[in-house]
PDB file of all heavy atoms in Angstrom:
ATOM      1  N   SER A   1       0.838  -1.202   0.000  1.00  0.00           N
ATOM      2  CA  SER A   1       0.000   0.000   0.000  1.00  0.00           C
ATOM      3  C   SER A   1       0.870   1.248   0.000  1.00  0.00           C
ATOM      4  O   SER A   1       2.088   1.189   0.195  1.00  0.00           O
ATOM      5  CB  SER A   1      -0.928   0.001   1.213  1.00  0.00           C
ATOM      6  OG  SER A   1      -0.179   0.032   2.415  1.00  0.00           O
ATOM      7  N   ARG A   2       0.220   2.394  -0.188  1.00  0.00           N
ATOM      8  CA  ARG A   2       0.948   3.660  -0.346  1.00  0.00           C
ATOM      9  C   ARG A   2       0.345   4.716   0.555  1.00  0.00           C
ATOM     10  O   ARG A   2      -0.881   4.787   0.726  1.00  0.00           O
ATOM     11  CB  ARG A   2       0.886   4.101  -1.813  1.00  0.00           C
ATOM     12  CG  ARG A   2       1.329   5.521  -2.072  1.00  0.00           C
ATOM     13  CD  ARG A   2       1.065   5.939  -3.505  1.00  0.00           C
ATOM     14  NE  ARG A   2       1.364   7.350  -3.684  1.00  0.00           N
ATOM     15  CZ  ARG A   2       2.117   7.844  -4.658  1.00  0.00           C
ATOM     16  NH1 ARG A   2       2.639   7.015  -5.554  1.00  0.00           N
ATOM     17  NH2 ARG A   2       2.327   9.141  -4.750  1.00  0.00           N
ATOM     18  N   VAL A   3       1.221   5.553   1.093  1.00  0.00           N
ATOM     19  CA  VAL A   3       0.799   6.732   1.846  1.00  0.00           C
ATOM     20  C   VAL A   3       1.335   7.952   1.119  1.00  0.00           C
ATOM     21  O   VAL A   3       2.546   8.082   0.924  1.00  0.00           O
ATOM     22  CB  VAL A   3       1.331   6.700   3.298  1.00  0.00           C
ATOM     23  CG1 VAL A   3       0.905   7.967   4.034  1.00  0.00           C
ATOM     24  CG2 VAL A   3       0.843   5.461   4.031  1.00  0.00           C
ATOM     25  N   ASP A   4       0.439   8.819   0.668  1.00  0.00           N
ATOM     26  CA  ASP A   4       0.876  10.025  -0.040  1.00  0.00           C
ATOM     27  C   ASP A   4       1.591  10.975   0.927  1.00  0.00           C
ATOM     28  O   ASP A   4       1.209  11.105   2.098  1.00  0.00           O
ATOM     29  CB  ASP A   4      -0.316  10.741  -0.674  1.00  0.00           C
ATOM     30  CG  ASP A   4      -0.929   9.943  -1.815  1.00  0.00           C
ATOM     31  OD1 ASP A   4      -0.197   9.131  -2.424  1.00  0.00           O
ATOM     32  OD2 ASP A   4      -2.130  10.125  -2.085  1.00  0.00           O
ATOM     33  N   ALA A   5       2.608  11.646   0.405  1.00  0.00           N
ATOM     34  CA  ALA A   5       3.378  12.553   1.258  1.00  0.00           C
ATOM     35  C   ALA A   5       4.091  13.593   0.405  1.00  0.00           C
ATOM     36  O   ALA A   5       4.450  13.334  -0.753  1.00  0.00           O
ATOM     37  CB  ALA A   5       4.403  11.783   2.085  1.00  0.00           C
ATOM     38  N   ASP A   6       4.283  14.764   0.986  1.00  0.00           N
ATOM     39  CA  ASP A   6       5.118  15.814   0.388  1.00  0.00           C
ATOM     40  C   ASP A   6       6.462  15.907   1.097  1.00  0.00           C
ATOM     41  O   ASP A   6       7.444  16.410   0.544  1.00  0.00           O
ATOM     42  CB  ASP A   6       4.424  17.168   0.490  1.00  0.00           C
ATOM     43  CG  ASP A   6       3.036  17.146  -0.130  1.00  0.00           C
ATOM     44  OD1 ASP A   6       2.945  16.831  -1.340  1.00  0.00           O
ATOM     45  OD2 ASP A   6       2.053  17.428   0.586  1.00  0.00           O
ATOM     46  N   ALA A   7       6.483  15.450   2.353  1.00  0.00           N
ATOM     47  CA  ALA A   7       7.701  15.511   3.159  1.00  0.00           C
ATOM     48  C   ALA A   7       7.651  14.403   4.199  1.00  0.00           C
ATOM     49  O   ALA A   7       6.591  13.852   4.503  1.00  0.00           O
ATOM     50  CB  ALA A   7       7.844  16.877   3.836  1.00  0.00           C
ATOM     51  N   MET A   8       8.848  14.103   4.749  1.00  0.00           N
ATOM     52  CA  MET A   8       8.938  13.062   5.772  1.00  0.00           C
ATOM     53  C   MET A   8       9.845  13.559   6.896  1.00  0.00           C
ATOM     54  O   MET A   8      10.732  14.392   6.687  1.00  0.00           O
ATOM     55  CB  MET A   8       9.517  11.770   5.177  1.00  0.00           C
ATOM     56  CG  MET A   8       8.654  11.138   4.101  1.00  0.00           C
ATOM     57  SD  MET A   8       9.473   9.710   3.346  1.00  0.00           S
ATOM     58  CE  MET A   8       9.578   8.611   4.760  1.00  0.00           C
ATOM     59  N   LEU A   9       9.599  12.992   8.079  1.00  0.00           N
ATOM     60  CA  LEU A   9      10.487  13.242   9.218  1.00  0.00           C
ATOM     61  C   LEU A   9      10.910  11.906   9.787  1.00  0.00           C
ATOM     62  O   LEU A   9      10.073  11.015   9.998  1.00  0.00           O
ATOM     63  CB  LEU A   9       9.800  14.084  10.286  1.00  0.00           C
ATOM     64  CG  LEU A   9      10.688  14.454  11.483  1.00  0.00           C
ATOM     65  CD1 LEU A   9      10.465  15.902  11.907  1.00  0.00           C
ATOM     66  CD2 LEU A   9      10.457  13.513  12.670  1.00  0.00           C
ATOM     67  N   VAL A  10      12.224  11.758  10.000  1.00  0.00           N
ATOM     68  CA  VAL A  10      12.761  10.542  10.577  1.00  0.00           C
ATOM     69  C   VAL A  10      13.664  10.904  11.745  1.00  0.00           C
ATOM     70  O   VAL A  10      14.213  12.008  11.804  1.00  0.00           O
ATOM     71  CB  VAL A  10      13.558   9.706   9.545  1.00  0.00           C
ATOM     72  CG1 VAL A  10      12.671   9.327   8.364  1.00  0.00           C
ATOM     73  CG2 VAL A  10      14.788  10.463   9.076  1.00  0.00           C
ATOM     74  N   GLY A  11      13.824   9.979  12.657  1.00  0.00           N
ATOM     75  CA  GLY A  11      14.734  10.153  13.776  1.00  0.00           C
ATOM     76  C   GLY A  11      15.889   9.182  13.643  1.00  0.00           C
ATOM     77  O   GLY A  11      15.807   8.046  14.122  1.00  0.00           O
ATOM     78  N   PRO A  12      16.973   9.586  12.978  1.00  0.00           N
ATOM     79  CA  PRO A  12      18.069   8.639  12.734  1.00  0.00           C
ATOM     80  C   PRO A  12      18.839   8.313  14.011  1.00  0.00           C
ATOM     81  O   PRO A  12      18.857   9.096  14.967  1.00  0.00           O
ATOM     82  CB  PRO A  12      18.957   9.397  11.744  1.00  0.00           C
ATOM     83  CG  PRO A  12      18.719  10.839  12.066  1.00  0.00           C
ATOM     84  CD  PRO A  12      17.268  10.936  12.457  1.00  0.00           C
ATOM     85  N   ARG A  13      19.485   7.179  14.009  1.00  0.00           N
ATOM     86  CA  ARG A  13      20.463   6.902  15.044  1.00  0.00           C
ATOM     87  C   ARG A  13      21.693   7.752  14.767  1.00  0.00           C
ATOM     88  O   ARG A  13      21.908   8.196  13.635  1.00  0.00           O
ATOM     89  CB  ARG A  13      20.832   5.417  15.064  1.00  0.00           C
ATOM     90  CG  ARG A  13      19.646   4.496  15.377  1.00  0.00           C
ATOM     91  CD  ARG A  13      20.106   3.063  15.598  1.00  0.00           C
ATOM     92  NE  ARG A  13      20.981   2.951  16.766  1.00  0.00           N
ATOM     93  CZ  ARG A  13      20.544   2.860  18.016  1.00  0.00           C
ATOM     94  NH1 ARG A  13      19.248   2.873  18.275  1.00  0.00           N
ATOM     95  NH2 ARG A  13      21.403   2.762  19.015  1.00  0.00           N
ATOM     96  N   PHE A  14      22.506   8.000  15.768  1.00  0.00           N
ATOM     97  CA  PHE A  14      23.657   8.893  15.582  1.00  0.00           C
ATOM     98  C   PHE A  14      24.868   8.346  16.325  1.00  0.00           C
ATOM     99  O   PHE A  14      24.754   7.697  17.372  1.00  0.00           O
ATOM    100  CB  PHE A  14      23.329  10.307  16.062  1.00  0.00           C
ATOM    101  CG  PHE A  14      22.688  10.362  17.426  1.00  0.00           C
ATOM    102  CD1 PHE A  14      23.452  10.356  18.587  1.00  0.00           C
ATOM    103  CD2 PHE A  14      21.304  10.412  17.543  1.00  0.00           C
ATOM    104  CE1 PHE A  14      22.848  10.396  19.835  1.00  0.00           C
ATOM    105  CE2 PHE A  14      20.689  10.453  18.796  1.00  0.00           C
ATOM    106  CZ  PHE A  14      21.473  10.444  19.945  1.00  0.00           C
ATOM    107  N   HIS A  15      26.038   8.626  15.728  1.00  0.00           N
ATOM    108  CA  HIS A  15      27.300   8.150  16.289  1.00  0.00           C
ATOM    109  C   HIS A  15      28.336   9.271  16.171  1.00  0.00           C
ATOM    110  O   HIS A  15      28.400   9.966  15.156  1.00  0.00           O
ATOM    111  CB  HIS A  15      27.807   6.912  15.547  1.00  0.00           C
ATOM    112  CG  HIS A  15      26.795   5.820  15.428  1.00  0.00           C
ATOM    113  ND1 HIS A  15      26.488   4.973  16.485  1.00  0.00           N
ATOM    114  CD2 HIS A  15      25.996   5.438  14.396  1.00  0.00           C
ATOM    115  CE1 HIS A  15      25.557   4.121  16.093  1.00  0.00           C
ATOM    116  NE2 HIS A  15      25.238   4.382  14.830  1.00  0.00           N
ATOM    117  N   PRO A  16      29.177   9.455  17.181  1.00  0.00           N
ATOM    118  CA  PRO A  16      30.210  10.503  17.109  1.00  0.00           C
ATOM    119  C   PRO A  16      31.358  10.096  16.196  1.00  0.00           C
ATOM    120  O   PRO A  16      31.722   8.917  16.123  1.00  0.00           O
ATOM    121  CB  PRO A  16      30.677  10.637  18.561  1.00  0.00           C
ATOM    122  CG  PRO A  16      30.405   9.303  19.167  1.00  0.00           C
ATOM    123  CD  PRO A  16      29.180   8.764  18.475  1.00  0.00           C
ATOM    124  N   ARG A  17      31.924  11.099  15.512  1.00  0.00           N
ATOM    125  CA  ARG A  17      33.116  10.852  14.691  1.00  0.00           C
ATOM    126  C   ARG A  17      34.347  10.941  15.607  1.00  0.00           C
ATOM    127  O   ARG A  17      34.890  12.021  15.815  1.00  0.00           O
ATOM    128  CB  ARG A  17      33.227  11.897  13.578  1.00  0.00           C
ATOM    129  CG  ARG A  17      32.132  11.844  12.521  1.00  0.00           C
ATOM    130  CD  ARG A  17      32.488  12.841  11.420  1.00  0.00           C
ATOM    131  NE  ARG A  17      31.593  12.781  10.294  1.00  0.00           N
ATOM    132  CZ  ARG A  17      30.698  13.715  10.000  1.00  0.00           C
ATOM    133  NH1 ARG A  17      30.583  14.786  10.769  1.00  0.00           N
ATOM    134  NH2 ARG A  17      29.925  13.601   8.936  1.00  0.00           N
ATOM    135  N   ILE A  18      34.797   9.830  16.121  1.00  0.00           N
ATOM    136  CA  ILE A  18      35.903   9.869  17.080  1.00  0.00           C
ATOM    137  C   ILE A  18      37.027   8.893  16.739  1.00  0.00           C
ATOM    138  O   ILE A  18      37.914   8.661  17.570  1.00  0.00           O
ATOM    139  CB  ILE A  18      35.409   9.585  18.514  1.00  0.00           C
ATOM    140  CG1 ILE A  18      34.728   8.220  18.588  1.00  0.00           C
ATOM    141  CG2 ILE A  18      34.497  10.693  18.997  1.00  0.00           C
ATOM    142  CD1 ILE A  18      34.496   7.770  20.014  1.00  0.00           C
ATOM    143  N   GLU A  19      37.019   8.353  15.529  1.00  0.00           N
ATOM    144  CA  GLU A  19      38.040   7.368  15.180  1.00  0.00           C
ATOM    145  C   GLU A  19      39.469   7.875  15.410  1.00  0.00           C
ATOM    146  O   GLU A  19      40.318   7.121  15.920  1.00  0.00           O
ATOM    147  CB  GLU A  19      37.868   6.930  13.720  1.00  0.00           C
ATOM    148  CG  GLU A  19      36.603   6.134  13.446  1.00  0.00           C
ATOM    149  CD  GLU A  19      35.376   7.025  13.264  1.00  0.00           C
ATOM    150  OE1 GLU A  19      35.534   8.267  13.321  1.00  0.00           O
ATOM    151  OE2 GLU A  19      34.280   6.486  13.078  1.00  0.00           O
ATOM    152  N   PRO A  20      39.793   9.149  15.078  1.00  0.00           N
ATOM    153  CA  PRO A  20      41.182   9.589  15.276  1.00  0.00           C
ATOM    154  C   PRO A  20      41.613   9.649  16.737  1.00  0.00           C
ATOM    155  O   PRO A  20      42.806   9.736  17.030  1.00  0.00           O
ATOM    156  CB  PRO A  20      41.196  10.997  14.649  1.00  0.00           C
ATOM    157  CG  PRO A  20      40.018  11.032  13.725  1.00  0.00           C
ATOM    158  CD  PRO A  20      38.995  10.176  14.392  1.00  0.00           C
ATOM    159  N   PHE A  21      40.665   9.619  17.668  1.00  0.00           N
ATOM    160  CA  PHE A  21      40.985   9.830  19.077  1.00  0.00           C
ATOM    161  C   PHE A  21      41.006   8.534  19.891  1.00  0.00           C
ATOM    162  O   PHE A  21      41.172   8.568  21.108  1.00  0.00           O
ATOM    163  CB  PHE A  21      39.961  10.799  19.686  1.00  0.00           C
ATOM    164  CG  PHE A  21      39.753  12.035  18.856  1.00  0.00           C
ATOM    165  CD1 PHE A  21      38.664  12.134  17.999  1.00  0.00           C
ATOM    166  CD2 PHE A  21      40.653  13.078  18.905  1.00  0.00           C
ATOM    167  CE1 PHE A  21      38.474  13.250  17.213  1.00  0.00           C
ATOM    168  CE2 PHE A  21      40.476  14.205  18.132  1.00  0.00           C
ATOM    169  CZ  PHE A  21      39.384  14.297  17.277  1.00  0.00           C
ATOM    170  N   ALA A  22      40.855   7.408  19.221  1.00  0.00           N
ATOM    171  CA  ALA A  22      40.785   6.131  19.939  1.00  0.00           C
ATOM    172  C   ALA A  22      42.048   5.881  20.750  1.00  0.00           C
ATOM    173  O   ALA A  22      41.995   5.356  21.872  1.00  0.00           O
ATOM    174  CB  ALA A  22      40.546   4.996  18.945  1.00  0.00           C
ATOM    175  N   GLY A  23      43.211   6.266  20.199  1.00  0.00           N
ATOM    176  CA  GLY A  23      44.468   6.040  20.893  1.00  0.00           C
ATOM    177  C   GLY A  23      44.611   6.839  22.177  1.00  0.00           C
ATOM    178  O   GLY A  23      45.436   6.490  23.036  1.00  0.00           O
ATOM    179  N   LEU A  24      43.822   7.888  22.330  1.00  0.00           N
ATOM    180  CA  LEU A  24      43.835   8.692  23.548  1.00  0.00           C
ATOM    181  C   LEU A  24      42.960   8.088  24.639  1.00  0.00           C
ATOM    182  O   LEU A  24      42.978   8.550  25.781  1.00  0.00           O
ATOM    183  CB  LEU A  24      43.350  10.115  23.258  1.00  0.00           C
ATOM    184  CG  LEU A  24      44.238  10.997  22.384  1.00  0.00           C
ATOM    185  CD1 LEU A  24      43.538  12.330  22.115  1.00  0.00           C
ATOM    186  CD2 LEU A  24      45.589  11.233  23.047  1.00  0.00           C
ATOM    187  N   GLY A  25      42.163   7.092  24.259  1.00  0.00           N
ATOM    188  CA  GLY A  25      41.219   6.523  25.210  1.00  0.00           C
ATOM    189  C   GLY A  25      39.883   7.222  25.238  1.00  0.00           C
ATOM    190  O   GLY A  25      39.066   6.986  26.136  1.00  0.00           O
TER     191      GLY A  25
END
């Protein structure tokens, strides 16, 4: 089935960009 829409809202999961800092703990 279909739901008509002009726009959507989503709540994404999120993760910090911290790969360069792993060696610091």
